[in-house]
N, C-alpha and C. Protein backbone atom coordinates (compact mmCIF):
# COMPACT_ATOMS: atom_id res chain seq x y z
N UNK A 1 161.59 92.74 16.98
CA UNK A 1 161.78 91.40 17.46
C UNK A 1 160.69 91.01 18.45
N UNK A 2 159.49 91.48 18.24
CA UNK A 2 158.39 91.18 19.16
C UNK A 2 158.17 89.68 19.28
N UNK A 3 158.05 89.00 18.15
CA UNK A 3 157.76 87.58 18.19
C UNK A 3 158.93 86.79 18.78
N UNK A 4 160.16 87.16 18.44
CA UNK A 4 161.32 86.44 18.96
C UNK A 4 161.41 86.57 20.47
N UNK A 5 161.08 87.72 21.03
CA UNK A 5 161.13 87.89 22.48
C UNK A 5 160.19 86.92 23.17
N UNK A 6 159.05 86.65 22.58
CA UNK A 6 158.10 85.75 23.23
C UNK A 6 158.52 84.30 23.11
N UNK A 7 159.33 83.96 22.14
CA UNK A 7 159.73 82.56 21.99
C UNK A 7 161.17 82.28 22.37
N UNK A 8 161.98 83.31 22.59
CA UNK A 8 163.40 83.06 22.84
C UNK A 8 163.63 82.15 24.03
N UNK A 9 162.91 82.35 25.11
CA UNK A 9 163.08 81.50 26.28
C UNK A 9 162.67 80.07 25.96
N UNK A 10 161.59 79.91 25.25
CA UNK A 10 161.12 78.57 24.90
C UNK A 10 162.10 77.88 23.94
N UNK A 11 162.66 78.65 23.00
CA UNK A 11 163.67 78.08 22.11
C UNK A 11 164.90 77.66 22.90
N UNK A 12 165.27 78.49 23.86
CA UNK A 12 166.42 78.18 24.71
C UNK A 12 166.20 76.86 25.43
N UNK A 13 165.04 76.72 26.06
CA UNK A 13 164.75 75.47 26.76
C UNK A 13 164.75 74.30 25.81
N UNK A 14 164.20 74.49 24.65
CA UNK A 14 164.11 73.43 23.66
C UNK A 14 165.51 72.92 23.31
N UNK A 15 166.44 73.82 23.10
CA UNK A 15 167.75 73.41 22.62
C UNK A 15 168.79 73.24 23.71
N UNK A 16 168.40 73.45 24.94
CA UNK A 16 169.28 73.08 26.05
C UNK A 16 168.77 71.83 26.73
N UNK A 17 167.95 71.03 26.02
CA UNK A 17 167.55 69.73 26.51
C UNK A 17 166.27 69.71 27.32
N UNK A 18 165.54 70.82 27.38
CA UNK A 18 164.31 70.85 28.14
C UNK A 18 163.12 70.98 27.22
N UNK A 19 163.11 70.21 26.16
CA UNK A 19 162.06 70.34 25.16
C UNK A 19 160.67 70.04 25.72
N UNK A 20 160.59 69.29 26.80
CA UNK A 20 159.29 68.99 27.38
C UNK A 20 158.57 70.29 27.77
N UNK A 21 159.29 71.26 28.31
CA UNK A 21 158.68 72.52 28.68
C UNK A 21 158.05 73.19 27.47
N UNK A 22 158.79 73.22 26.36
CA UNK A 22 158.24 73.84 25.15
C UNK A 22 156.98 73.14 24.68
N UNK A 23 156.95 71.84 24.76
CA UNK A 23 155.78 71.08 24.34
C UNK A 23 154.62 71.37 25.27
N UNK A 24 154.87 71.38 26.58
CA UNK A 24 153.80 71.63 27.55
C UNK A 24 153.22 73.02 27.40
N UNK A 25 154.08 73.99 27.13
CA UNK A 25 153.60 75.36 26.95
C UNK A 25 152.81 75.46 25.65
N UNK A 26 153.12 74.59 24.71
CA UNK A 26 152.37 74.55 23.47
C UNK A 26 152.82 75.55 22.42
N UNK A 27 153.98 76.15 22.62
CA UNK A 27 154.45 77.14 21.65
C UNK A 27 155.54 76.57 20.76
N UNK A 28 156.47 75.88 21.35
CA UNK A 28 157.59 75.33 20.61
C UNK A 28 157.59 73.81 20.80
N UNK A 29 157.68 73.09 19.74
CA UNK A 29 157.67 71.64 19.88
C UNK A 29 158.98 71.00 19.43
N UNK A 30 160.02 71.77 19.23
CA UNK A 30 161.30 71.24 18.79
C UNK A 30 161.09 70.36 17.56
N UNK A 31 160.59 70.96 16.52
CA UNK A 31 160.29 70.23 15.29
C UNK A 31 161.52 69.51 14.79
N UNK A 32 161.31 68.43 14.11
CA UNK A 32 162.44 67.69 13.57
C UNK A 32 162.73 68.19 12.16
N UNK A 33 163.99 68.14 11.78
CA UNK A 33 164.38 68.66 10.47
C UNK A 33 164.76 67.54 9.51
N UNK A 34 164.00 66.46 9.53
CA UNK A 34 164.31 65.31 8.69
C UNK A 34 164.21 65.62 7.20
N UNK A 35 163.44 66.65 6.83
CA UNK A 35 163.28 66.96 5.42
C UNK A 35 164.47 67.75 4.87
N UNK A 36 165.35 68.18 5.73
CA UNK A 36 166.47 69.02 5.33
C UNK A 36 167.26 68.44 4.16
N UNK A 37 167.70 67.22 4.27
CA UNK A 37 168.52 66.63 3.23
C UNK A 37 167.70 66.03 2.09
N UNK A 38 166.42 65.83 2.29
CA UNK A 38 165.61 65.16 1.28
C UNK A 38 165.18 66.08 0.14
N UNK A 39 165.42 67.36 0.25
CA UNK A 39 165.04 68.31 -0.79
C UNK A 39 166.28 68.67 -1.60
N UNK A 40 166.18 68.60 -2.93
CA UNK A 40 167.35 68.88 -3.76
C UNK A 40 167.76 70.36 -3.73
N UNK A 41 168.95 70.60 -4.25
CA UNK A 41 169.44 71.97 -4.37
C UNK A 41 168.45 72.76 -5.21
N UNK A 42 168.19 73.97 -4.80
CA UNK A 42 167.19 74.85 -5.43
C UNK A 42 167.89 76.18 -5.75
N UNK A 43 167.28 76.96 -6.62
CA UNK A 43 167.83 78.29 -6.94
C UNK A 43 168.01 79.14 -5.68
N UNK A 44 167.13 78.94 -4.70
CA UNK A 44 167.26 79.66 -3.43
C UNK A 44 168.61 79.39 -2.78
N UNK A 45 169.09 78.16 -2.89
CA UNK A 45 170.40 77.83 -2.32
C UNK A 45 171.51 78.63 -3.00
N UNK A 46 171.41 78.79 -4.30
CA UNK A 46 172.45 79.51 -5.04
C UNK A 46 172.41 81.01 -4.80
N UNK A 47 171.23 81.55 -4.46
CA UNK A 47 171.10 82.99 -4.28
C UNK A 47 171.13 83.46 -2.83
N UNK A 48 170.89 82.56 -1.86
CA UNK A 48 170.78 83.03 -0.48
C UNK A 48 171.48 82.16 0.56
N UNK A 49 172.14 81.08 0.16
CA UNK A 49 172.82 80.24 1.15
C UNK A 49 173.96 81.00 1.80
N UNK A 50 174.10 80.82 3.09
CA UNK A 50 175.17 81.43 3.86
C UNK A 50 176.41 80.54 3.70
N UNK A 51 177.56 81.10 3.30
CA UNK A 51 178.76 80.29 3.11
C UNK A 51 179.18 79.52 4.37
N UNK A 52 178.81 80.02 5.55
CA UNK A 52 179.21 79.36 6.79
C UNK A 52 178.09 78.56 7.44
N UNK A 53 176.98 78.42 6.74
CA UNK A 53 175.84 77.68 7.27
C UNK A 53 176.15 76.19 7.27
N UNK A 54 176.17 75.56 8.45
CA UNK A 54 176.43 74.12 8.48
C UNK A 54 175.30 73.31 7.85
N UNK A 55 174.16 73.93 7.60
CA UNK A 55 173.03 73.23 7.01
C UNK A 55 172.92 73.37 5.50
N UNK A 56 173.84 74.12 4.89
CA UNK A 56 173.76 74.29 3.44
C UNK A 56 174.35 73.07 2.73
N UNK A 57 173.96 72.88 1.48
CA UNK A 57 174.56 71.82 0.68
C UNK A 57 176.03 72.16 0.46
N UNK A 58 176.90 71.18 0.59
CA UNK A 58 178.33 71.45 0.40
C UNK A 58 178.67 71.74 -1.05
N UNK A 59 177.78 71.39 -1.97
CA UNK A 59 178.01 71.69 -3.39
C UNK A 59 177.66 73.13 -3.73
N UNK A 60 177.09 73.86 -2.78
CA UNK A 60 176.72 75.27 -2.98
C UNK A 60 177.69 76.11 -2.16
N UNK A 61 178.36 77.04 -2.81
CA UNK A 61 179.38 77.83 -2.10
C UNK A 61 178.79 78.85 -1.15
N UNK A 62 177.61 79.33 -1.42
CA UNK A 62 176.99 80.33 -0.57
C UNK A 62 177.27 81.74 -1.06
N UNK A 63 176.49 82.67 -0.52
CA UNK A 63 176.58 84.07 -0.92
C UNK A 63 176.95 84.90 0.31
N UNK A 64 178.11 85.55 0.29
CA UNK A 64 178.48 86.39 1.43
C UNK A 64 177.43 87.48 1.69
N UNK A 65 177.31 87.89 2.92
CA UNK A 65 176.31 88.89 3.32
C UNK A 65 176.38 90.16 2.49
N UNK A 66 177.59 90.62 2.20
CA UNK A 66 177.75 91.87 1.44
C UNK A 66 177.17 91.72 0.04
N UNK A 67 177.38 90.58 -0.58
CA UNK A 67 176.84 90.33 -1.92
C UNK A 67 175.33 90.15 -1.89
N UNK A 68 174.83 89.49 -0.87
CA UNK A 68 173.39 89.29 -0.75
C UNK A 68 172.66 90.62 -0.58
N UNK A 69 173.28 91.56 0.14
CA UNK A 69 172.64 92.84 0.44
C UNK A 69 172.50 93.76 -0.78
N UNK A 70 173.18 93.45 -1.89
CA UNK A 70 173.03 94.25 -3.11
C UNK A 70 171.58 94.12 -3.57
N UNK A 71 170.94 95.24 -3.89
CA UNK A 71 169.50 95.25 -4.15
C UNK A 71 169.03 94.20 -5.16
N UNK A 72 169.68 94.11 -6.30
CA UNK A 72 169.25 93.15 -7.32
C UNK A 72 169.38 91.71 -6.80
N UNK A 73 170.44 91.45 -6.07
CA UNK A 73 170.66 90.10 -5.52
C UNK A 73 169.62 89.74 -4.48
N UNK A 74 169.36 90.66 -3.56
CA UNK A 74 168.44 90.36 -2.48
C UNK A 74 167.00 90.22 -2.99
N UNK A 75 166.63 91.02 -3.97
CA UNK A 75 165.27 90.90 -4.53
C UNK A 75 165.09 89.56 -5.24
N UNK A 76 166.11 89.14 -5.98
CA UNK A 76 166.04 87.83 -6.64
C UNK A 76 165.99 86.71 -5.60
N UNK A 77 166.79 86.83 -4.55
CA UNK A 77 166.81 85.82 -3.49
C UNK A 77 165.47 85.73 -2.79
N UNK A 78 164.87 86.86 -2.49
CA UNK A 78 163.55 86.86 -1.83
C UNK A 78 162.53 86.17 -2.72
N UNK A 79 162.57 86.46 -4.00
CA UNK A 79 161.60 85.86 -4.93
C UNK A 79 161.74 84.34 -4.99
N UNK A 80 162.93 83.84 -5.24
CA UNK A 80 163.09 82.39 -5.39
C UNK A 80 162.98 81.66 -4.06
N UNK A 81 163.39 82.30 -2.98
CA UNK A 81 163.28 81.65 -1.67
C UNK A 81 161.84 81.63 -1.18
N UNK A 82 161.05 82.62 -1.56
CA UNK A 82 159.62 82.58 -1.25
C UNK A 82 158.99 81.39 -1.97
N UNK A 83 159.35 81.22 -3.22
CA UNK A 83 158.85 80.08 -4.01
C UNK A 83 159.29 78.75 -3.37
N UNK A 84 160.56 78.65 -3.00
CA UNK A 84 161.07 77.41 -2.39
C UNK A 84 160.37 77.13 -1.07
N UNK A 85 160.18 78.18 -0.27
CA UNK A 85 159.54 78.01 1.02
C UNK A 85 158.08 77.58 0.87
N UNK A 86 157.42 78.09 -0.15
CA UNK A 86 156.03 77.68 -0.41
C UNK A 86 155.96 76.24 -0.91
N UNK A 87 156.92 75.85 -1.73
CA UNK A 87 156.94 74.50 -2.27
C UNK A 87 157.35 73.47 -1.21
N UNK A 88 158.26 73.85 -0.32
CA UNK A 88 158.78 72.96 0.72
C UNK A 88 158.62 73.63 2.10
N UNK A 89 157.39 73.81 2.56
CA UNK A 89 157.16 74.56 3.80
C UNK A 89 157.75 73.91 5.06
N UNK A 90 158.06 72.64 5.01
CA UNK A 90 158.62 71.96 6.18
C UNK A 90 160.14 71.91 6.16
N UNK A 91 160.75 72.55 5.18
CA UNK A 91 162.21 72.52 5.08
C UNK A 91 162.81 73.77 5.73
N UNK A 92 163.52 73.60 6.82
CA UNK A 92 164.07 74.76 7.53
C UNK A 92 165.14 75.51 6.75
N UNK A 93 165.80 74.86 5.82
CA UNK A 93 166.84 75.52 5.03
C UNK A 93 166.24 76.68 4.25
N UNK A 94 165.08 76.44 3.63
CA UNK A 94 164.46 77.50 2.84
C UNK A 94 163.85 78.59 3.73
N UNK A 95 163.31 78.20 4.87
CA UNK A 95 162.79 79.20 5.81
C UNK A 95 163.94 80.11 6.27
N UNK A 96 165.08 79.50 6.59
CA UNK A 96 166.25 80.28 7.01
C UNK A 96 166.73 81.20 5.89
N UNK A 97 166.89 80.65 4.70
CA UNK A 97 167.42 81.45 3.59
C UNK A 97 166.47 82.58 3.21
N UNK A 98 165.17 82.36 3.28
CA UNK A 98 164.22 83.45 3.04
C UNK A 98 164.35 84.49 4.14
N UNK A 99 164.43 84.05 5.38
CA UNK A 99 164.62 84.99 6.49
C UNK A 99 165.92 85.77 6.35
N UNK A 100 166.97 85.10 5.93
CA UNK A 100 168.27 85.77 5.74
C UNK A 100 168.16 86.84 4.66
N UNK A 101 167.49 86.51 3.55
CA UNK A 101 167.35 87.48 2.45
C UNK A 101 166.49 88.67 2.90
N UNK A 102 165.41 88.39 3.59
CA UNK A 102 164.55 89.49 4.08
C UNK A 102 165.30 90.38 5.06
N UNK A 103 166.08 89.77 5.94
CA UNK A 103 166.89 90.56 6.88
C UNK A 103 167.91 91.41 6.14
N UNK A 104 168.54 90.84 5.10
CA UNK A 104 169.51 91.59 4.30
C UNK A 104 168.87 92.77 3.58
N UNK A 105 167.58 92.63 3.29
CA UNK A 105 166.84 93.71 2.63
C UNK A 105 166.34 94.75 3.63
N UNK A 106 166.64 94.56 4.91
CA UNK A 106 166.20 95.49 5.94
C UNK A 106 164.76 95.24 6.38
N UNK A 107 164.25 94.06 6.10
CA UNK A 107 162.86 93.73 6.42
C UNK A 107 162.82 92.77 7.62
N UNK A 108 163.34 93.24 8.74
CA UNK A 108 163.50 92.40 9.92
C UNK A 108 162.19 91.79 10.40
N UNK A 109 161.14 92.58 10.46
CA UNK A 109 159.86 92.04 10.95
C UNK A 109 159.32 90.96 10.03
N UNK A 110 159.56 91.08 8.73
CA UNK A 110 159.13 90.06 7.78
C UNK A 110 160.02 88.81 7.90
N UNK A 111 161.28 89.01 8.21
CA UNK A 111 162.23 87.91 8.31
C UNK A 111 162.00 87.05 9.54
N UNK A 112 161.61 87.68 10.61
CA UNK A 112 161.52 87.02 11.92
C UNK A 112 160.70 85.72 11.94
N UNK A 113 159.49 85.67 11.38
CA UNK A 113 158.74 84.40 11.45
C UNK A 113 159.44 83.24 10.74
N UNK A 114 160.12 83.54 9.64
CA UNK A 114 160.83 82.49 8.90
C UNK A 114 162.05 82.00 9.70
N UNK A 115 162.74 82.93 10.33
CA UNK A 115 163.90 82.57 11.14
C UNK A 115 163.48 81.76 12.37
N UNK A 116 162.36 82.13 12.96
CA UNK A 116 161.85 81.37 14.11
C UNK A 116 161.45 79.97 13.67
N UNK A 117 160.81 79.87 12.51
CA UNK A 117 160.43 78.55 11.99
C UNK A 117 161.66 77.67 11.83
N UNK A 118 162.72 78.22 11.27
CA UNK A 118 163.96 77.44 11.10
C UNK A 118 164.59 77.14 12.45
N UNK A 119 164.59 78.10 13.36
CA UNK A 119 165.18 77.89 14.69
C UNK A 119 164.44 76.80 15.46
N UNK A 120 163.15 76.71 15.26
CA UNK A 120 162.37 75.68 15.96
C UNK A 120 162.83 74.27 15.60
N UNK A 121 163.49 74.12 14.47
CA UNK A 121 164.00 72.80 14.07
C UNK A 121 165.45 72.62 14.52
N UNK A 122 166.02 73.65 15.12
CA UNK A 122 167.41 73.58 15.55
C UNK A 122 168.39 74.11 14.52
N UNK A 123 167.89 74.82 13.52
CA UNK A 123 168.74 75.31 12.43
C UNK A 123 169.68 76.38 12.97
N UNK A 124 170.94 76.04 13.13
CA UNK A 124 171.94 76.86 13.83
C UNK A 124 172.02 78.30 13.34
N UNK A 125 172.14 78.49 12.05
CA UNK A 125 172.35 79.83 11.50
C UNK A 125 171.16 80.75 11.78
N UNK A 126 169.96 80.18 11.89
CA UNK A 126 168.78 80.99 12.17
C UNK A 126 168.89 81.67 13.53
N UNK A 127 169.44 80.96 14.50
CA UNK A 127 169.61 81.55 15.82
C UNK A 127 170.52 82.78 15.76
N UNK A 128 171.57 82.71 14.95
CA UNK A 128 172.51 83.82 14.86
C UNK A 128 171.84 85.07 14.29
N UNK A 129 171.02 84.91 13.26
CA UNK A 129 170.36 86.10 12.70
C UNK A 129 169.32 86.62 13.68
N UNK A 130 168.64 85.73 14.40
CA UNK A 130 167.73 86.22 15.44
C UNK A 130 168.52 87.03 16.47
N UNK A 131 169.73 86.59 16.77
CA UNK A 131 170.60 87.36 17.65
C UNK A 131 170.98 88.71 17.05
N UNK A 132 171.26 88.72 15.75
CA UNK A 132 171.59 89.98 15.07
C UNK A 132 170.43 90.97 15.16
N UNK A 133 169.22 90.45 15.02
CA UNK A 133 168.04 91.31 14.94
C UNK A 133 167.53 91.78 16.29
N UNK A 134 167.92 91.10 17.35
CA UNK A 134 167.41 91.44 18.68
C UNK A 134 168.00 92.75 19.18
N UNK A 135 167.17 93.53 19.85
CA UNK A 135 167.62 94.78 20.46
C UNK A 135 168.09 94.56 21.90
N UNK A 136 167.88 93.39 22.41
CA UNK A 136 168.22 93.04 23.78
C UNK A 136 169.54 92.27 23.78
N UNK A 137 170.60 92.83 24.35
CA UNK A 137 171.92 92.19 24.28
C UNK A 137 171.95 90.83 24.98
N UNK A 138 171.22 90.68 26.07
CA UNK A 138 171.18 89.39 26.75
C UNK A 138 170.52 88.34 25.86
N UNK A 139 169.41 88.72 25.24
CA UNK A 139 168.72 87.80 24.33
C UNK A 139 169.60 87.47 23.12
N UNK A 140 170.26 88.50 22.57
CA UNK A 140 171.17 88.27 21.44
C UNK A 140 172.22 87.23 21.79
N UNK A 141 172.85 87.42 22.94
CA UNK A 141 173.90 86.48 23.35
C UNK A 141 173.36 85.07 23.56
N UNK A 142 172.13 84.96 24.05
CA UNK A 142 171.53 83.64 24.21
C UNK A 142 171.34 82.97 22.85
N UNK A 143 170.88 83.75 21.87
CA UNK A 143 170.73 83.19 20.52
C UNK A 143 172.09 82.79 19.94
N UNK A 144 173.12 83.64 20.14
CA UNK A 144 174.46 83.31 19.64
C UNK A 144 175.01 82.06 20.32
N UNK A 145 174.74 81.91 21.61
CA UNK A 145 175.21 80.72 22.32
C UNK A 145 174.60 79.46 21.73
N UNK A 146 173.31 79.51 21.42
CA UNK A 146 172.67 78.34 20.82
C UNK A 146 173.25 78.08 19.44
N UNK A 147 173.41 79.14 18.64
CA UNK A 147 173.97 78.99 17.29
C UNK A 147 175.38 78.39 17.36
N UNK A 148 176.18 78.91 18.29
CA UNK A 148 177.55 78.40 18.45
C UNK A 148 177.55 76.94 18.89
N UNK A 149 176.69 76.61 19.83
CA UNK A 149 176.61 75.23 20.32
C UNK A 149 176.18 74.27 19.21
N UNK A 150 175.47 74.79 18.23
CA UNK A 150 174.98 73.95 17.13
C UNK A 150 175.93 74.00 15.93
N UNK A 151 177.10 74.64 16.09
CA UNK A 151 178.14 74.58 15.07
C UNK A 151 178.24 75.74 14.11
N UNK A 152 177.61 76.88 14.43
CA UNK A 152 177.67 78.02 13.52
C UNK A 152 178.89 78.88 13.84
N UNK A 153 179.88 78.85 12.95
CA UNK A 153 181.17 79.52 13.15
C UNK A 153 181.12 81.00 13.49
N UNK A 154 180.36 81.83 12.76
CA UNK A 154 180.34 83.26 13.10
C UNK A 154 179.86 83.52 14.53
N UNK A 155 178.92 82.73 15.02
CA UNK A 155 178.44 82.90 16.40
C UNK A 155 179.54 82.53 17.39
N UNK A 156 180.29 81.48 17.09
CA UNK A 156 181.41 81.09 17.96
C UNK A 156 182.44 82.21 18.02
N UNK A 157 182.78 82.76 16.86
CA UNK A 157 183.78 83.84 16.82
C UNK A 157 183.28 85.08 17.54
N UNK A 158 182.00 85.40 17.39
CA UNK A 158 181.42 86.56 18.08
C UNK A 158 181.53 86.38 19.60
N UNK A 159 181.15 85.20 20.08
CA UNK A 159 181.19 84.96 21.52
C UNK A 159 182.63 85.00 22.05
N UNK A 160 183.58 84.51 21.26
CA UNK A 160 184.99 84.61 21.66
C UNK A 160 185.40 86.07 21.74
N UNK A 161 184.96 86.88 20.80
CA UNK A 161 185.29 88.31 20.79
C UNK A 161 184.69 89.00 22.01
N UNK A 162 183.45 88.68 22.33
CA UNK A 162 182.78 89.29 23.49
C UNK A 162 183.52 88.93 24.77
N UNK A 163 183.98 87.70 24.88
CA UNK A 163 184.69 87.23 26.06
C UNK A 163 186.01 87.97 26.22
N UNK A 164 186.65 88.29 25.12
CA UNK A 164 187.95 88.97 25.16
C UNK A 164 187.83 90.48 25.25
N UNK A 165 186.65 91.03 24.96
CA UNK A 165 186.46 92.47 24.92
C UNK A 165 186.15 92.99 26.32
N UNK A 166 186.87 94.03 26.77
CA UNK A 166 186.56 94.61 28.09
C UNK A 166 185.10 95.08 28.13
N UNK A 167 184.53 95.09 29.31
CA UNK A 167 183.12 95.45 29.49
C UNK A 167 182.80 96.85 28.98
N UNK A 168 183.78 97.73 28.92
CA UNK A 168 183.52 99.09 28.46
C UNK A 168 183.37 99.18 26.94
N UNK A 169 183.84 98.15 26.25
CA UNK A 169 183.72 98.12 24.80
C UNK A 169 182.55 97.23 24.41
N UNK A 170 181.94 97.54 23.31
CA UNK A 170 180.84 96.73 22.82
C UNK A 170 181.32 95.94 21.61
N UNK A 171 181.17 94.64 21.68
CA UNK A 171 181.55 93.82 20.53
C UNK A 171 180.55 94.03 19.42
N UNK A 172 181.01 93.94 18.20
CA UNK A 172 180.14 94.13 17.05
C UNK A 172 179.48 92.81 16.71
N UNK A 173 178.15 92.85 16.61
CA UNK A 173 177.41 91.64 16.27
C UNK A 173 177.83 91.17 14.89
N UNK A 174 177.80 89.85 14.66
CA UNK A 174 178.17 89.31 13.35
C UNK A 174 177.07 89.52 12.34
N UNK A 175 176.74 90.75 12.04
CA UNK A 175 175.62 91.11 11.16
C UNK A 175 175.67 90.33 9.87
N UNK A 176 174.52 89.86 9.48
CA UNK A 176 174.41 89.13 8.23
C UNK A 176 174.93 87.72 8.33
N UNK A 177 175.03 87.23 9.51
CA UNK A 177 175.55 85.90 9.76
C UNK A 177 175.06 84.90 8.78
């Protein structure tokens, strides 16, 4: 999570209403996600959409993490989502879904730039996977807080679990969010 560590603070400022700082620093500009709805459903949506992603098309049911992690499924998802991301490079949905597929394949370092790209637009589910991938519990929780604030259900449930869990116990991250 080398790259995420350098941008997590800037992403935090961006999505807690201090986007000016991100712009001044020149790293994060709080990109707008206006292209999200303008791109039609793609094979990437059918192979890698998260069932709980508030940014997915409602006509696509999504693929649970366990099903995505199956080798044949994840390889197909990586292939079509790479194509979708190349065809629609400004669409955060495809950046997120490619990052999700790469993370499911155990390719965290490859997934990270795509997840950051999606997170820069405010894509809720991307923050949760960045939280899953982080080795720093404070940073993870910050990512989950942003994801939860932006409407991502698994992040909300995780934070509720952490709040209810005694300090001696470690809550399990919502892996594959």
